[in-house]
């Protein structure tokens, strides 16, 4: 079965010099080739291998960037799945999402570390619950504009959602808007996405 990372790796082997991603920050355009992006992602995956087991759910709190793409591919190469955190979510929504998924590792944009920590602090004050944060710095992540934050929440009463990433081969987990009720976590496996990409070719 094709996965998003295996499909990317095939493209990187076939078209190493082609532009994989172009990012326009408003000030300048930044380009990266398949070969360059694959190398960045592989280094992220290697770092994650030294830190945690595969088939984890790793949350991501960041702005759009090429580094974001490299980190997402790195998580997928690690055989884990990612859980995007909306920058506009209030603190209670962010912490509820992390708690539901029993997530302890969060890739955080370096420029957003303070806002992320502030979200945790606000949640702690509102809920009277404690948390521990450990910021893990790494040269590879730093080059992509990221830090890895280990979050341990104490006295969380929410029942964690069982996410079996291995059997489902998950690509990512997202949260619904909650417009018709309590927001729910939606597990999206590779097999639901890969055919759509193949059909677009």
N, C-alpha and C. Protein backbone atom coordinates (compact mmCIF):
# COMPACT_ATOMS: atom_id res chain seq x y z
N UNK A 1 0.83 -1.19 0.00
CA UNK A 1 0.00 0.00 0.00
C UNK A 1 0.87 1.25 0.00
N UNK A 2 0.53 2.18 -0.88
CA UNK A 2 1.27 3.44 -0.93
C UNK A 2 0.92 4.30 0.28
N UNK A 3 1.93 4.96 0.82
CA UNK A 3 1.73 5.96 1.86
C UNK A 3 2.20 7.30 1.31
N UNK A 4 1.84 8.38 1.97
CA UNK A 4 2.24 9.69 1.47
C UNK A 4 3.75 9.83 1.39
N UNK A 5 4.44 9.30 2.41
CA UNK A 5 5.90 9.42 2.41
C UNK A 5 6.55 8.54 1.35
N UNK A 6 5.97 7.35 1.10
CA UNK A 6 6.55 6.47 0.06
C UNK A 6 6.32 7.06 -1.32
N UNK A 7 5.17 7.72 -1.52
CA UNK A 7 4.90 8.38 -2.80
C UNK A 7 5.86 9.53 -3.03
N UNK A 8 6.14 10.28 -1.95
CA UNK A 8 7.09 11.38 -2.06
C UNK A 8 8.48 10.85 -2.38
N UNK A 9 8.89 9.78 -1.71
CA UNK A 9 10.22 9.21 -1.93
C UNK A 9 10.39 8.74 -3.38
N UNK A 10 9.33 8.18 -3.96
CA UNK A 10 9.38 7.76 -5.37
C UNK A 10 9.62 8.97 -6.27
N UNK A 11 8.91 10.05 -6.00
CA UNK A 11 9.08 11.28 -6.79
C UNK A 11 10.49 11.85 -6.61
N UNK A 12 11.01 11.76 -5.39
CA UNK A 12 12.36 12.27 -5.12
C UNK A 12 13.42 11.48 -5.88
N UNK A 13 13.18 10.17 -6.00
CA UNK A 13 14.13 9.33 -6.76
C UNK A 13 14.04 9.60 -8.25
N UNK A 14 12.82 9.80 -8.76
CA UNK A 14 12.62 9.99 -10.20
C UNK A 14 12.95 11.41 -10.66
N UNK A 15 12.69 12.39 -9.79
CA UNK A 15 12.87 13.79 -10.19
C UNK A 15 13.62 14.57 -9.11
N UNK A 16 14.83 14.17 -8.78
CA UNK A 16 15.55 14.79 -7.65
C UNK A 16 15.79 16.29 -7.80
N UNK A 17 15.96 16.75 -9.03
CA UNK A 17 16.30 18.17 -9.24
C UNK A 17 15.08 19.05 -9.47
N UNK A 18 13.92 18.44 -9.59
CA UNK A 18 12.71 19.23 -9.80
C UNK A 18 12.32 19.98 -8.52
N UNK A 19 11.65 21.12 -8.70
CA UNK A 19 11.17 21.88 -7.55
C UNK A 19 10.01 21.12 -6.91
N UNK A 20 10.13 20.86 -5.62
CA UNK A 20 9.08 20.15 -4.89
C UNK A 20 8.11 21.11 -4.23
N UNK A 21 8.67 22.18 -3.65
CA UNK A 21 7.84 23.15 -2.92
C UNK A 21 8.34 24.56 -3.21
N UNK A 22 7.41 25.46 -3.44
CA UNK A 22 7.71 26.88 -3.53
C UNK A 22 6.88 27.58 -2.47
N UNK A 23 7.55 28.37 -1.63
CA UNK A 23 6.85 29.08 -0.57
C UNK A 23 7.06 30.57 -0.75
N UNK A 24 5.94 31.30 -0.78
CA UNK A 24 5.99 32.76 -0.94
C UNK A 24 5.64 33.40 0.39
N UNK A 25 6.63 33.97 1.05
CA UNK A 25 6.42 34.59 2.36
C UNK A 25 5.83 35.99 2.23
N UNK A 26 5.73 36.48 1.01
CA UNK A 26 5.28 37.85 0.79
C UNK A 26 6.44 38.77 0.48
N UNK A 27 7.59 38.42 1.04
CA UNK A 27 8.81 39.20 0.78
C UNK A 27 9.67 38.57 -0.30
N UNK A 28 9.68 37.24 -0.30
CA UNK A 28 10.52 36.52 -1.28
C UNK A 28 9.98 35.12 -1.48
N UNK A 29 10.31 34.56 -2.63
CA UNK A 29 9.93 33.18 -2.91
C UNK A 29 11.09 32.25 -2.57
N UNK A 30 10.75 31.16 -1.92
CA UNK A 30 11.76 30.17 -1.54
C UNK A 30 11.43 28.86 -2.23
N UNK A 31 12.44 28.24 -2.82
CA UNK A 31 12.23 26.98 -3.54
C UNK A 31 13.08 25.87 -2.91
N UNK A 32 12.59 24.66 -2.99
CA UNK A 32 13.37 23.51 -2.54
C UNK A 32 13.09 22.34 -3.48
N UNK A 33 14.14 21.63 -3.86
CA UNK A 33 13.98 20.50 -4.77
C UNK A 33 13.54 19.25 -4.01
N UNK A 34 13.12 18.24 -4.76
CA UNK A 34 12.73 16.97 -4.14
C UNK A 34 13.90 16.37 -3.36
N UNK A 35 15.07 16.43 -3.94
CA UNK A 35 16.26 15.86 -3.28
C UNK A 35 16.56 16.59 -1.96
N UNK A 36 16.51 17.92 -1.99
CA UNK A 36 16.77 18.72 -0.80
C UNK A 36 15.72 18.48 0.28
N UNK A 37 14.46 18.42 -0.13
CA UNK A 37 13.37 18.22 0.82
C UNK A 37 13.42 16.82 1.42
N UNK A 38 13.76 15.84 0.58
CA UNK A 38 13.87 14.46 1.06
C UNK A 38 14.98 14.33 2.10
N UNK A 39 16.10 15.03 1.87
CA UNK A 39 17.21 15.01 2.83
C UNK A 39 16.80 15.64 4.16
N UNK A 40 16.12 16.77 4.08
CA UNK A 40 15.64 17.44 5.30
C UNK A 40 14.70 16.52 6.08
N UNK A 41 13.75 15.92 5.38
CA UNK A 41 12.76 15.06 6.02
C UNK A 41 13.42 13.82 6.63
N UNK A 42 14.39 13.25 5.93
CA UNK A 42 15.09 12.07 6.44
C UNK A 42 15.84 12.37 7.72
N UNK A 43 16.43 13.56 7.80
CA UNK A 43 17.15 13.95 9.01
C UNK A 43 16.20 14.13 10.18
N UNK A 44 15.02 14.69 9.91
CA UNK A 44 14.00 14.82 10.97
C UNK A 44 13.59 13.44 11.47
N UNK A 45 13.36 12.51 10.53
CA UNK A 45 12.96 11.15 10.90
C UNK A 45 14.05 10.47 11.73
N UNK A 46 15.31 10.66 11.34
CA UNK A 46 16.42 10.06 12.10
C UNK A 46 16.45 10.59 13.53
N UNK A 47 16.22 11.88 13.69
CA UNK A 47 16.19 12.46 15.03
C UNK A 47 15.04 11.87 15.85
N UNK A 48 13.87 11.76 15.25
CA UNK A 48 12.72 11.19 15.95
C UNK A 48 12.98 9.75 16.34
N UNK A 49 13.72 9.02 15.51
CA UNK A 49 14.07 7.62 15.82
C UNK A 49 14.86 7.51 17.11
N UNK A 50 15.69 8.52 17.39
CA UNK A 50 16.51 8.48 18.60
C UNK A 50 15.71 8.89 19.84
N UNK A 51 14.57 9.51 19.62
CA UNK A 51 13.82 10.09 20.73
C UNK A 51 12.59 9.28 21.14
N UNK A 52 11.92 8.69 20.19
CA UNK A 52 10.67 8.00 20.50
C UNK A 52 10.44 6.84 19.54
N UNK A 53 9.52 5.97 19.91
CA UNK A 53 9.16 4.86 19.06
C UNK A 53 8.32 5.36 17.89
N UNK A 54 8.21 4.52 16.87
CA UNK A 54 7.36 4.90 15.75
C UNK A 54 5.90 4.70 16.13
N UNK A 55 5.02 5.04 15.20
CA UNK A 55 3.57 4.93 15.39
C UNK A 55 3.08 5.79 16.56
N UNK A 56 3.68 6.96 16.68
CA UNK A 56 3.24 7.95 17.66
C UNK A 56 2.32 8.97 16.96
N UNK A 57 1.59 9.72 17.76
CA UNK A 57 0.87 10.88 17.24
C UNK A 57 1.68 12.10 17.68
N UNK A 58 2.18 12.86 16.72
CA UNK A 58 3.01 14.03 17.02
C UNK A 58 2.27 15.27 16.54
N UNK A 59 1.97 16.16 17.48
CA UNK A 59 1.23 17.37 17.13
C UNK A 59 2.17 18.40 16.51
N UNK A 60 1.59 19.32 15.74
CA UNK A 60 2.37 20.36 15.08
C UNK A 60 1.69 21.71 15.28
N UNK A 61 2.46 22.68 15.81
CA UNK A 61 1.95 24.02 16.06
C UNK A 61 2.86 24.99 15.32
N UNK A 62 2.40 25.48 14.17
CA UNK A 62 3.31 26.28 13.35
C UNK A 62 2.60 27.09 12.28
N UNK A 63 3.35 28.00 11.70
CA UNK A 63 2.92 28.72 10.51
C UNK A 63 3.35 27.90 9.28
N UNK A 64 2.81 28.25 8.13
CA UNK A 64 3.22 27.57 6.91
C UNK A 64 4.63 27.97 6.53
N UNK A 65 5.41 26.98 6.10
CA UNK A 65 6.79 27.21 5.67
C UNK A 65 7.31 25.95 5.02
N UNK A 66 8.46 26.03 4.38
CA UNK A 66 9.09 24.84 3.82
C UNK A 66 9.54 23.92 4.95
N UNK A 67 9.99 24.52 6.05
CA UNK A 67 10.38 23.72 7.21
C UNK A 67 9.22 22.89 7.74
N UNK A 68 8.01 23.45 7.68
CA UNK A 68 6.81 22.73 8.09
C UNK A 68 6.62 21.48 7.24
N UNK A 69 6.78 21.63 5.93
CA UNK A 69 6.63 20.48 5.01
C UNK A 69 7.69 19.42 5.32
N UNK A 70 8.93 19.85 5.56
CA UNK A 70 10.01 18.92 5.87
C UNK A 70 9.72 18.16 7.16
N UNK A 71 9.21 18.85 8.16
CA UNK A 71 8.92 18.20 9.44
C UNK A 71 7.77 17.22 9.32
N UNK A 72 6.73 17.59 8.57
CA UNK A 72 5.59 16.69 8.37
C UNK A 72 6.05 15.41 7.66
N UNK A 73 6.85 15.57 6.61
CA UNK A 73 7.37 14.40 5.90
C UNK A 73 8.27 13.57 6.81
N UNK A 74 9.03 14.25 7.67
CA UNK A 74 9.89 13.55 8.63
C UNK A 74 9.08 12.70 9.59
N UNK A 75 7.96 13.25 10.07
CA UNK A 75 7.06 12.49 10.96
C UNK A 75 6.52 11.26 10.24
N UNK A 76 6.10 11.43 9.00
CA UNK A 76 5.57 10.31 8.22
C UNK A 76 6.64 9.27 7.92
N UNK A 77 7.87 9.72 7.63
CA UNK A 77 8.97 8.79 7.40
C UNK A 77 9.29 8.00 8.67
N UNK A 78 9.02 8.62 9.81
CA UNK A 78 9.22 7.96 11.11
C UNK A 78 8.14 6.91 11.37
N UNK A 79 7.17 6.82 10.45
CA UNK A 79 6.03 5.91 10.56
C UNK A 79 5.10 6.32 11.70
N UNK A 80 5.06 7.63 11.94
CA UNK A 80 4.11 8.18 12.89
C UNK A 80 3.13 9.04 12.11
N UNK A 81 2.16 9.62 12.81
CA UNK A 81 1.22 10.51 12.14
C UNK A 81 1.25 11.87 12.83
N UNK A 82 0.79 12.89 12.13
CA UNK A 82 0.83 14.23 12.71
C UNK A 82 -0.58 14.72 13.02
N UNK A 83 -0.64 15.63 13.97
CA UNK A 83 -1.91 16.20 14.39
C UNK A 83 -1.78 17.72 14.36
N UNK A 84 -2.31 18.38 13.34
CA UNK A 84 -2.15 19.84 13.24
C UNK A 84 -2.98 20.58 14.28
N UNK A 85 -2.36 21.59 14.90
CA UNK A 85 -3.04 22.45 15.86
C UNK A 85 -3.31 23.79 15.19
N UNK A 86 -4.56 24.20 15.14
CA UNK A 86 -4.92 25.47 14.53
C UNK A 86 -4.42 26.61 15.42
N UNK A 87 -3.72 27.56 14.82
CA UNK A 87 -3.16 28.68 15.58
C UNK A 87 -4.25 29.57 16.18
N UNK A 88 -5.47 29.47 15.66
CA UNK A 88 -6.57 30.29 16.15
C UNK A 88 -7.38 29.62 17.25
N UNK A 89 -7.05 28.37 17.58
CA UNK A 89 -7.78 27.70 18.65
C UNK A 89 -7.50 28.36 19.99
N UNK A 90 -8.51 28.44 20.85
CA UNK A 90 -8.26 28.94 22.21
C UNK A 90 -7.49 27.89 23.02
N UNK A 91 -6.86 28.28 24.13
CA UNK A 91 -6.06 27.35 24.92
C UNK A 91 -6.78 26.07 25.33
N UNK A 92 -8.07 26.19 25.73
CA UNK A 92 -8.78 24.99 26.16
C UNK A 92 -8.98 24.00 25.01
N UNK A 93 -9.15 24.51 23.78
CA UNK A 93 -9.32 23.63 22.62
C UNK A 93 -8.01 22.91 22.30
N UNK A 94 -6.90 23.64 22.40
CA UNK A 94 -5.58 23.04 22.14
C UNK A 94 -5.30 21.94 23.14
N UNK A 95 -5.49 22.23 24.42
CA UNK A 95 -5.17 21.25 25.46
C UNK A 95 -6.14 20.07 25.44
N UNK A 96 -7.39 20.33 25.09
CA UNK A 96 -8.37 19.25 24.97
C UNK A 96 -7.96 18.30 23.84
N UNK A 97 -7.51 18.86 22.73
CA UNK A 97 -7.07 18.07 21.57
C UNK A 97 -5.88 17.19 21.95
N UNK A 98 -4.88 17.79 22.61
CA UNK A 98 -3.70 17.04 23.02
C UNK A 98 -4.07 15.93 24.00
N UNK A 99 -5.01 16.25 24.90
CA UNK A 99 -5.43 15.27 25.91
C UNK A 99 -6.19 14.11 25.28
N UNK A 100 -7.10 14.43 24.36
CA UNK A 100 -7.90 13.38 23.70
C UNK A 100 -7.00 12.37 23.00
N UNK A 101 -5.96 12.88 22.38
CA UNK A 101 -5.07 12.01 21.61
C UNK A 101 -3.93 11.46 22.44
N UNK A 102 -3.86 11.89 23.70
CA UNK A 102 -2.77 11.47 24.58
C UNK A 102 -1.42 11.83 23.97
N UNK A 103 -1.36 13.04 23.38
CA UNK A 103 -0.14 13.51 22.71
C UNK A 103 0.79 14.15 23.73
N UNK A 104 2.06 13.78 23.66
CA UNK A 104 3.04 14.41 24.54
C UNK A 104 4.13 15.15 23.77
N UNK A 105 4.26 14.87 22.47
CA UNK A 105 5.28 15.52 21.65
C UNK A 105 4.65 16.50 20.67
N UNK A 106 5.15 17.73 20.70
CA UNK A 106 4.61 18.77 19.82
C UNK A 106 5.77 19.46 19.10
N UNK A 107 5.74 19.43 17.79
CA UNK A 107 6.69 20.21 16.99
C UNK A 107 6.18 21.64 16.96
N UNK A 108 6.99 22.56 17.48
CA UNK A 108 6.56 23.95 17.61
C UNK A 108 7.47 24.86 16.80
N UNK A 109 6.88 25.71 16.00
CA UNK A 109 7.61 26.75 15.28
C UNK A 109 8.40 27.57 16.30
N UNK A 110 9.68 27.76 16.06
CA UNK A 110 10.53 28.50 17.01
C UNK A 110 9.94 29.87 17.35
N UNK A 111 9.36 30.53 16.37
CA UNK A 111 8.81 31.86 16.59
C UNK A 111 7.51 31.82 17.38
N UNK A 112 6.94 30.62 17.54
CA UNK A 112 5.65 30.50 18.23
C UNK A 112 5.77 29.78 19.57
N UNK A 113 7.00 29.58 20.04
CA UNK A 113 7.17 28.88 21.31
C UNK A 113 6.51 29.63 22.46
N UNK A 114 6.72 30.94 22.50
CA UNK A 114 6.13 31.73 23.60
C UNK A 114 4.60 31.71 23.56
N UNK A 115 3.96 31.93 22.39
CA UNK A 115 2.49 31.82 22.35
C UNK A 115 1.98 30.43 22.74
N UNK A 116 2.71 29.38 22.35
CA UNK A 116 2.29 28.03 22.70
C UNK A 116 2.37 27.82 24.21
N UNK A 117 3.46 28.26 24.81
CA UNK A 117 3.60 28.13 26.26
C UNK A 117 2.55 28.98 26.99
N UNK A 118 2.21 30.13 26.40
CA UNK A 118 1.18 30.98 27.00
C UNK A 118 -0.18 30.30 26.96
N UNK A 119 -0.45 29.57 25.88
CA UNK A 119 -1.70 28.81 25.79
C UNK A 119 -1.79 27.77 26.91
N UNK A 120 -0.69 27.06 27.12
CA UNK A 120 -0.66 26.06 28.19
C UNK A 120 -0.86 26.71 29.56
N UNK A 121 -0.24 27.88 29.73
CA UNK A 121 -0.35 28.58 31.01
C UNK A 121 -1.78 29.04 31.27
N UNK A 122 -2.42 29.59 30.24
CA UNK A 122 -3.81 30.05 30.37
C UNK A 122 -4.72 28.88 30.69
N UNK A 123 -4.51 27.75 30.00
CA UNK A 123 -5.31 26.56 30.26
C UNK A 123 -5.11 26.09 31.70
N UNK A 124 -3.89 26.13 32.17
CA UNK A 124 -3.59 25.69 33.53
C UNK A 124 -4.32 26.56 34.56
N UNK A 125 -4.33 27.88 34.33
CA UNK A 125 -5.00 28.80 35.25
C UNK A 125 -6.52 28.57 35.26
N UNK A 126 -7.07 28.35 34.06
CA UNK A 126 -8.52 28.18 33.95
C UNK A 126 -8.99 26.86 34.55
N UNK A 127 -8.20 25.82 34.36
CA UNK A 127 -8.63 24.48 34.76
C UNK A 127 -8.04 24.02 36.09
N UNK A 128 -7.12 24.81 36.63
CA UNK A 128 -6.42 24.44 37.89
C UNK A 128 -5.70 23.10 37.75
N UNK A 129 -5.18 22.85 36.57
CA UNK A 129 -4.42 21.62 36.33
C UNK A 129 -2.97 21.97 36.03
N UNK A 130 -2.09 21.11 36.47
CA UNK A 130 -0.67 21.36 36.28
C UNK A 130 -0.16 20.68 35.02
N UNK A 131 0.96 21.17 34.53
CA UNK A 131 1.60 20.56 33.38
C UNK A 131 3.11 20.76 33.49
N UNK A 132 3.82 19.91 32.82
CA UNK A 132 5.27 20.03 32.74
C UNK A 132 5.67 20.16 31.28
N UNK A 133 6.61 21.05 31.02
CA UNK A 133 7.08 21.26 29.64
C UNK A 133 8.59 21.13 29.59
N UNK A 134 9.04 20.36 28.63
CA UNK A 134 10.48 20.25 28.38
C UNK A 134 10.72 20.60 26.92
N UNK A 135 11.53 21.61 26.69
CA UNK A 135 11.85 22.03 25.32
C UNK A 135 13.10 21.31 24.87
N UNK A 136 12.98 20.56 23.78
CA UNK A 136 14.09 19.76 23.26
C UNK A 136 14.63 20.45 22.01
N UNK A 137 15.86 20.93 22.12
CA UNK A 137 16.47 21.62 20.99
C UNK A 137 17.35 20.65 20.22
N UNK A 138 17.33 20.80 18.92
CA UNK A 138 18.08 19.90 18.05
C UNK A 138 18.51 20.66 16.80
N UNK A 139 19.72 20.42 16.36
CA UNK A 139 20.28 21.14 15.21
C UNK A 139 19.45 20.93 13.94
N UNK A 140 18.96 19.71 13.75
CA UNK A 140 18.18 19.40 12.55
C UNK A 140 16.85 20.14 12.55
N UNK A 141 16.15 20.08 13.70
CA UNK A 141 14.88 20.79 13.79
C UNK A 141 15.10 22.29 13.71
N UNK A 142 16.15 22.77 14.34
CA UNK A 142 16.46 24.20 14.33
C UNK A 142 16.66 24.71 12.90
N UNK A 143 17.30 23.91 12.07
CA UNK A 143 17.53 24.29 10.67
C UNK A 143 16.21 24.44 9.91
N UNK A 144 15.19 23.72 10.38
CA UNK A 144 13.87 23.81 9.75
C UNK A 144 12.95 24.80 10.46
N UNK A 145 13.49 25.46 11.50
CA UNK A 145 12.71 26.46 12.21
C UNK A 145 11.83 25.93 13.32
N UNK A 146 12.18 24.74 13.86
CA UNK A 146 11.33 24.09 14.85
C UNK A 146 12.06 23.73 16.14
N UNK A 147 11.26 23.55 17.18
CA UNK A 147 11.69 22.96 18.45
C UNK A 147 10.72 21.81 18.74
N UNK A 148 11.18 20.86 19.53
CA UNK A 148 10.28 19.79 19.95
C UNK A 148 9.95 20.01 21.41
N UNK A 149 8.67 20.05 21.72
CA UNK A 149 8.23 20.31 23.08
C UNK A 149 7.56 19.05 23.64
N UNK A 150 8.06 18.60 24.78
CA UNK A 150 7.45 17.47 25.48
C UNK A 150 6.50 18.02 26.53
N UNK A 151 5.22 17.71 26.40
CA UNK A 151 4.20 18.22 27.31
C UNK A 151 3.62 17.07 28.12
N UNK A 152 3.67 17.20 29.42
CA UNK A 152 3.07 16.20 30.31
C UNK A 152 2.02 16.90 31.14
N UNK A 153 0.75 16.52 30.90
CA UNK A 153 -0.35 17.16 31.62
C UNK A 153 -0.76 16.30 32.81
N UNK A 154 -0.92 16.95 33.95
CA UNK A 154 -1.31 16.23 35.17
C UNK A 154 -2.80 16.40 35.44
N UNK A 155 -3.39 15.37 36.04
CA UNK A 155 -4.79 15.41 36.47
C UNK A 155 -5.77 15.72 35.35
N UNK A 156 -5.49 15.22 34.17
CA UNK A 156 -6.40 15.40 33.04
C UNK A 156 -7.46 14.31 33.11
N UNK A 157 -8.72 14.73 33.18
CA UNK A 157 -9.81 13.77 33.36
C UNK A 157 -10.38 13.26 32.04
N UNK A 158 -10.05 13.96 30.96
CA UNK A 158 -10.60 13.55 29.67
C UNK A 158 -10.11 12.15 29.31
N UNK A 159 -11.03 11.36 28.77
CA UNK A 159 -10.66 10.01 28.36
C UNK A 159 -9.92 10.08 27.04
N UNK A 160 -8.72 9.56 27.03
CA UNK A 160 -7.89 9.64 25.82
C UNK A 160 -8.46 8.77 24.71
N UNK A 161 -8.43 9.30 23.50
CA UNK A 161 -8.87 8.54 22.34
C UNK A 161 -7.80 7.52 22.00
N UNK A 162 -8.21 6.27 21.82
CA UNK A 162 -7.23 5.25 21.47
C UNK A 162 -6.90 5.38 19.99
N UNK A 163 -5.67 5.73 19.71
CA UNK A 163 -5.24 5.92 18.32
C UNK A 163 -4.23 4.84 17.97
N UNK A 164 -4.67 3.82 17.26
CA UNK A 164 -3.78 2.74 16.85
C UNK A 164 -3.22 3.09 15.48
N UNK A 165 -2.12 3.82 15.48
CA UNK A 165 -1.56 4.29 14.21
C UNK A 165 -0.96 3.14 13.40
N UNK A 166 -0.56 2.06 14.08
CA UNK A 166 0.09 0.96 13.38
C UNK A 166 -0.89 0.19 12.52
N UNK A 167 -2.02 -0.21 13.11
CA UNK A 167 -2.98 -1.03 12.36
C UNK A 167 -3.69 -0.22 11.29
N UNK A 168 -3.93 1.07 11.56
CA UNK A 168 -4.65 1.90 10.60
C UNK A 168 -3.72 2.57 9.60
N UNK A 169 -2.42 2.61 9.88
CA UNK A 169 -1.45 3.33 9.06
C UNK A 169 -1.93 4.76 8.84
N UNK A 170 -2.03 5.49 9.95
CA UNK A 170 -2.57 6.84 9.90
C UNK A 170 -1.57 7.83 9.30
N UNK A 171 -2.13 8.79 8.55
CA UNK A 171 -1.33 9.90 8.03
C UNK A 171 -1.43 11.08 9.00
N UNK A 172 -2.65 11.39 9.40
CA UNK A 172 -2.82 12.50 10.34
C UNK A 172 -4.13 12.35 11.11
N UNK A 173 -4.23 13.12 12.18
CA UNK A 173 -5.45 13.19 12.98
C UNK A 173 -5.84 14.65 13.07
N UNK A 174 -7.07 14.96 12.70
CA UNK A 174 -7.53 16.35 12.74
C UNK A 174 -8.74 16.47 13.67
N UNK A 175 -9.05 17.69 14.05
CA UNK A 175 -10.20 17.92 14.91
C UNK A 175 -11.28 18.65 14.14
N UNK A 176 -12.54 18.21 14.31
CA UNK A 176 -13.66 18.87 13.66
C UNK A 176 -13.89 20.22 14.32
N UNK A 177 -14.66 21.06 13.65
CA UNK A 177 -14.89 22.42 14.15
C UNK A 177 -15.78 22.44 15.39
N UNK A 178 -16.60 21.41 15.56
CA UNK A 178 -17.49 21.37 16.72
C UNK A 178 -18.71 22.25 16.58
N UNK A 179 -19.05 22.65 15.35
CA UNK A 179 -20.20 23.54 15.15
C UNK A 179 -21.53 22.87 15.52
N UNK A 180 -21.59 21.56 15.46
CA UNK A 180 -22.83 20.85 15.79
C UNK A 180 -22.71 20.06 17.10
N UNK A 181 -21.69 20.34 17.87
CA UNK A 181 -21.51 19.62 19.13
C UNK A 181 -20.06 19.66 19.57
N UNK A 182 -19.69 18.74 20.43
CA UNK A 182 -18.33 18.65 20.93
C UNK A 182 -17.37 18.32 19.79
N UNK A 183 -16.25 19.07 19.64
CA UNK A 183 -15.28 18.74 18.58
C UNK A 183 -14.78 17.30 18.72
N UNK A 184 -14.63 16.63 17.59
CA UNK A 184 -14.19 15.24 17.60
C UNK A 184 -12.90 15.10 16.82
N UNK A 185 -12.08 14.15 17.24
CA UNK A 185 -10.84 13.85 16.52
C UNK A 185 -11.15 12.87 15.40
N UNK A 186 -10.67 13.19 14.20
CA UNK A 186 -10.91 12.35 13.03
C UNK A 186 -9.59 11.74 12.59
N UNK A 187 -9.54 10.41 12.54
CA UNK A 187 -8.32 9.70 12.16
C UNK A 187 -8.33 9.46 10.64
N UNK A 188 -7.30 9.92 9.96
CA UNK A 188 -7.24 9.82 8.50
C UNK A 188 -6.07 8.93 8.08
N UNK A 189 -6.37 7.72 7.58
CA UNK A 189 -5.29 6.82 7.15
C UNK A 189 -4.75 7.17 5.77
N UNK A 190 -3.56 6.68 5.49
CA UNK A 190 -2.94 6.92 4.17
C UNK A 190 -3.82 6.42 3.04
N UNK A 191 -4.51 5.31 3.26
CA UNK A 191 -5.30 4.71 2.17
C UNK A 191 -6.47 5.60 1.72
N UNK A 192 -6.84 6.59 2.56
CA UNK A 192 -7.91 7.50 2.17
C UNK A 192 -7.40 8.67 1.34
N UNK A 193 -6.09 8.91 1.37
CA UNK A 193 -5.51 10.06 0.69
C UNK A 193 -4.77 9.67 -0.58
N UNK A 194 -3.99 8.59 -0.49
CA UNK A 194 -3.14 8.18 -1.62
C UNK A 194 -3.90 8.03 -2.95
N UNK A 195 -5.09 7.39 -2.96
CA UNK A 195 -5.81 7.26 -4.24
C UNK A 195 -6.17 8.60 -4.85
N UNK A 196 -6.51 9.58 -4.02
CA UNK A 196 -6.84 10.92 -4.54
C UNK A 196 -5.66 11.56 -5.24
N UNK A 197 -4.47 11.39 -4.67
CA UNK A 197 -3.25 11.94 -5.27
C UNK A 197 -2.96 11.23 -6.59
N UNK A 198 -3.11 9.90 -6.57
CA UNK A 198 -2.86 9.11 -7.78
C UNK A 198 -3.81 9.52 -8.91
N UNK A 199 -5.08 9.78 -8.56
CA UNK A 199 -6.08 10.17 -9.57
C UNK A 199 -5.81 11.53 -10.19
N UNK A 200 -5.07 12.38 -9.45
CA UNK A 200 -4.78 13.72 -9.96
C UNK A 200 -3.66 13.71 -10.98
N UNK A 201 -2.90 12.62 -11.05
CA UNK A 201 -1.76 12.58 -11.97
C UNK A 201 -2.23 12.47 -13.41
